[in-house]
Amino acid sequence: VKSHYRPDSTTAHGVGLAVDIQAKTSQSRMAIVSAALKVGFRRIGVYDKHVHLDVSPDLPQDVMWWGVSK
């Protein structure tokens, strides 16, 4: 786990509903995304160095996005 609850964040991390899992290769990103979909995650961010998973009920569902890690 690269990041989890961040009390200063205004994102799903700030309310304890998100986690970032380190994933430096495309194979590890695929494995994480596949597992997340199988167990029911509906919000997934795929970044170059991690995968973001969250369960925020207040944000759009059934979404996946790409980004660059900070």
N, C-alpha and C. Protein backbone atom coordinates (compact mmCIF):
# COMPACT_ATOMS: atom_id res chain seq x y z
N VAL A 1 0.86 -1.18 0.00
CA VAL A 1 0.00 0.00 0.00
C VAL A 1 0.90 1.23 0.00
N LYS A 2 0.69 2.08 -0.97
CA LYS A 2 1.50 3.29 -1.11
C LYS A 2 0.90 4.44 -0.32
N SER A 3 -0.43 4.53 -0.27
CA SER A 3 -1.12 5.61 0.42
C SER A 3 -2.50 5.12 0.83
N HIS A 4 -2.99 5.66 1.95
CA HIS A 4 -4.33 5.29 2.42
C HIS A 4 -4.98 6.53 3.01
N TYR A 5 -5.45 6.47 4.24
CA TYR A 5 -6.13 7.61 4.88
C TYR A 5 -5.20 8.81 4.98
N ARG A 6 -5.67 9.95 4.45
CA ARG A 6 -4.91 11.20 4.54
C ARG A 6 -5.87 12.26 5.06
N PRO A 7 -5.82 12.57 6.34
CA PRO A 7 -6.80 13.48 6.92
C PRO A 7 -6.83 14.87 6.30
N ASP A 8 -5.76 15.29 5.66
CA ASP A 8 -5.70 16.63 5.05
C ASP A 8 -6.22 16.64 3.62
N SER A 9 -6.65 15.49 3.11
CA SER A 9 -7.07 15.38 1.71
C SER A 9 -8.56 15.67 1.55
N THR A 10 -8.91 16.28 0.42
CA THR A 10 -10.32 16.54 0.10
C THR A 10 -10.88 15.45 -0.82
N THR A 11 -10.11 14.40 -1.04
CA THR A 11 -10.53 13.29 -1.90
C THR A 11 -11.09 12.16 -1.03
N ALA A 12 -11.38 11.04 -1.64
CA ALA A 12 -11.87 9.87 -0.90
C ALA A 12 -10.84 9.41 0.14
N HIS A 13 -9.58 9.72 -0.06
CA HIS A 13 -8.55 9.40 0.93
C HIS A 13 -8.83 10.13 2.25
N GLY A 14 -9.36 11.33 2.17
CA GLY A 14 -9.59 12.15 3.36
C GLY A 14 -10.68 11.64 4.28
N VAL A 15 -11.52 10.78 3.78
CA VAL A 15 -12.58 10.19 4.62
C VAL A 15 -12.36 8.69 4.80
N GLY A 16 -11.18 8.22 4.43
CA GLY A 16 -10.82 6.82 4.64
C GLY A 16 -11.47 5.84 3.68
N LEU A 17 -11.83 6.30 2.49
CA LEU A 17 -12.51 5.42 1.54
C LEU A 17 -11.67 5.09 0.31
N ALA A 18 -10.35 5.34 0.38
CA ALA A 18 -9.49 5.09 -0.78
C ALA A 18 -8.13 4.56 -0.35
N VAL A 19 -7.52 3.85 -1.28
CA VAL A 19 -6.18 3.32 -1.07
C VAL A 19 -5.44 3.36 -2.40
N ASP A 20 -4.14 3.60 -2.36
CA ASP A 20 -3.28 3.54 -3.53
C ASP A 20 -2.33 2.36 -3.34
N ILE A 21 -2.28 1.48 -4.32
CA ILE A 21 -1.43 0.30 -4.25
C ILE A 21 -0.30 0.45 -5.25
N GLN A 22 0.93 0.35 -4.76
CA GLN A 22 2.09 0.50 -5.64
C GLN A 22 2.06 -0.55 -6.75
N ALA A 23 2.31 -0.11 -7.97
CA ALA A 23 2.31 -1.00 -9.13
C ALA A 23 3.21 -0.39 -10.20
N LYS A 24 4.44 -0.83 -10.26
CA LYS A 24 5.41 -0.22 -11.17
C LYS A 24 5.44 -0.83 -12.57
N THR A 25 4.81 -1.99 -12.75
CA THR A 25 4.83 -2.62 -14.07
C THR A 25 3.40 -2.77 -14.60
N SER A 26 3.29 -2.90 -15.89
CA SER A 26 1.96 -3.08 -16.47
C SER A 26 1.34 -4.40 -16.01
N GLN A 27 2.16 -5.41 -15.78
CA GLN A 27 1.66 -6.69 -15.30
C GLN A 27 1.06 -6.56 -13.89
N SER A 28 1.74 -5.82 -13.02
CA SER A 28 1.21 -5.65 -11.67
C SER A 28 -0.05 -4.78 -11.68
N ARG A 29 -0.10 -3.77 -12.53
CA ARG A 29 -1.31 -2.95 -12.63
C ARG A 29 -2.48 -3.80 -13.12
N MET A 30 -2.25 -4.65 -14.11
CA MET A 30 -3.30 -5.52 -14.63
C MET A 30 -3.80 -6.48 -13.55
N ALA A 31 -2.91 -7.06 -12.79
CA ALA A 31 -3.29 -8.00 -11.73
C ALA A 31 -4.15 -7.30 -10.67
N ILE A 32 -3.77 -6.09 -10.29
CA ILE A 32 -4.52 -5.34 -9.28
C ILE A 32 -5.89 -4.95 -9.81
N VAL A 33 -5.94 -4.43 -11.03
CA VAL A 33 -7.22 -4.02 -11.62
C VAL A 33 -8.14 -5.23 -11.78
N SER A 34 -7.61 -6.34 -12.25
CA SER A 34 -8.43 -7.55 -12.42
C SER A 34 -9.02 -8.01 -11.09
N ALA A 35 -8.19 -8.04 -10.05
CA ALA A 35 -8.67 -8.45 -8.74
C ALA A 35 -9.69 -7.47 -8.19
N ALA A 36 -9.45 -6.18 -8.37
CA ALA A 36 -10.38 -5.15 -7.87
C ALA A 36 -11.74 -5.28 -8.53
N LEU A 37 -11.76 -5.51 -9.84
CA LEU A 37 -13.03 -5.69 -10.55
C LEU A 37 -13.76 -6.94 -10.06
N LYS A 38 -13.03 -8.01 -9.82
CA LYS A 38 -13.64 -9.27 -9.36
C LYS A 38 -14.31 -9.12 -8.01
N VAL A 39 -13.73 -8.28 -7.13
CA VAL A 39 -14.33 -8.14 -5.79
C VAL A 39 -15.30 -6.97 -5.70
N GLY A 40 -15.51 -6.25 -6.81
CA GLY A 40 -16.58 -5.26 -6.84
C GLY A 40 -16.22 -3.79 -6.77
N PHE A 41 -14.94 -3.44 -6.88
CA PHE A 41 -14.60 -2.02 -6.92
C PHE A 41 -15.19 -1.39 -8.16
N ARG A 42 -15.77 -0.19 -7.99
CA ARG A 42 -16.42 0.50 -9.11
C ARG A 42 -15.77 1.83 -9.43
N ARG A 43 -14.67 2.15 -8.73
CA ARG A 43 -13.90 3.37 -8.98
C ARG A 43 -12.42 3.00 -8.94
N ILE A 44 -11.78 3.06 -10.11
CA ILE A 44 -10.39 2.61 -10.22
C ILE A 44 -9.59 3.63 -11.03
N GLY A 45 -8.50 4.07 -10.45
CA GLY A 45 -7.58 4.97 -11.15
C GLY A 45 -6.29 4.22 -11.43
N VAL A 46 -5.88 4.18 -12.68
CA VAL A 46 -4.66 3.49 -13.07
C VAL A 46 -3.59 4.55 -13.35
N TYR A 47 -2.55 4.52 -12.58
CA TYR A 47 -1.46 5.50 -12.71
C TYR A 47 -0.18 4.78 -13.12
N ASP A 48 0.83 5.54 -13.47
CA ASP A 48 2.08 4.93 -13.94
C ASP A 48 2.83 4.17 -12.85
N LYS A 49 2.61 4.52 -11.57
CA LYS A 49 3.32 3.85 -10.48
C LYS A 49 2.41 3.29 -9.40
N HIS A 50 1.10 3.44 -9.55
CA HIS A 50 0.17 2.88 -8.56
C HIS A 50 -1.23 2.72 -9.15
N VAL A 51 -2.06 2.00 -8.42
CA VAL A 51 -3.47 1.87 -8.77
C VAL A 51 -4.27 2.41 -7.59
N HIS A 52 -5.18 3.32 -7.87
CA HIS A 52 -6.06 3.92 -6.88
C HIS A 52 -7.37 3.15 -6.86
N LEU A 53 -7.82 2.77 -5.67
CA LEU A 53 -9.11 2.11 -5.50
C LEU A 53 -9.90 2.88 -4.47
N ASP A 54 -11.17 3.17 -4.75
CA ASP A 54 -11.98 3.80 -3.71
C ASP A 54 -13.42 3.34 -3.77
N VAL A 55 -14.10 3.54 -2.66
CA VAL A 55 -15.49 3.10 -2.52
C VAL A 55 -16.40 4.26 -2.13
N SER A 56 -16.05 5.46 -2.54
CA SER A 56 -16.86 6.63 -2.21
C SER A 56 -18.23 6.52 -2.87
N PRO A 57 -19.31 6.53 -2.06
CA PRO A 57 -20.65 6.46 -2.64
C PRO A 57 -21.11 7.79 -3.24
N ASP A 58 -20.40 8.87 -2.94
CA ASP A 58 -20.79 10.21 -3.39
C ASP A 58 -20.18 10.62 -4.73
N LEU A 59 -19.26 9.83 -5.23
CA LEU A 59 -18.60 10.14 -6.49
C LEU A 59 -19.12 9.22 -7.59
N PRO A 60 -18.92 9.59 -8.87
CA PRO A 60 -19.42 8.75 -9.98
C PRO A 60 -18.95 7.31 -9.86
N GLN A 61 -19.83 6.38 -10.21
CA GLN A 61 -19.55 4.95 -10.12
C GLN A 61 -19.26 4.39 -11.50
N ASP A 62 -18.68 3.20 -11.53
CA ASP A 62 -18.34 2.49 -12.77
C ASP A 62 -17.44 3.35 -13.65
N VAL A 63 -16.36 3.86 -13.03
CA VAL A 63 -15.39 4.70 -13.74
C VAL A 63 -13.98 4.15 -13.55
N MET A 64 -13.16 4.38 -14.57
CA MET A 64 -11.74 4.07 -14.52
C MET A 64 -11.02 5.20 -15.24
N TRP A 65 -9.93 5.64 -14.67
CA TRP A 65 -9.20 6.75 -15.27
C TRP A 65 -7.71 6.46 -15.23
N TRP A 66 -6.96 7.20 -16.03
CA TRP A 66 -5.50 7.09 -16.13
C TRP A 66 -4.87 8.37 -15.61
N GLY A 67 -3.74 8.26 -14.96
CA GLY A 67 -3.05 9.44 -14.48
C GLY A 67 -1.56 9.17 -14.30
N VAL A 68 -0.85 10.19 -13.88
CA VAL A 68 0.58 10.11 -13.61
C VAL A 68 0.78 10.32 -12.12
N SER A 69 1.52 9.43 -11.48
CA SER A 69 1.78 9.53 -10.06
C SER A 69 2.55 10.81 -9.74
N LYS A 70 2.26 11.39 -8.60
CA LYS A 70 2.96 12.61 -8.16
C LYS A 70 4.28 12.26 -7.52
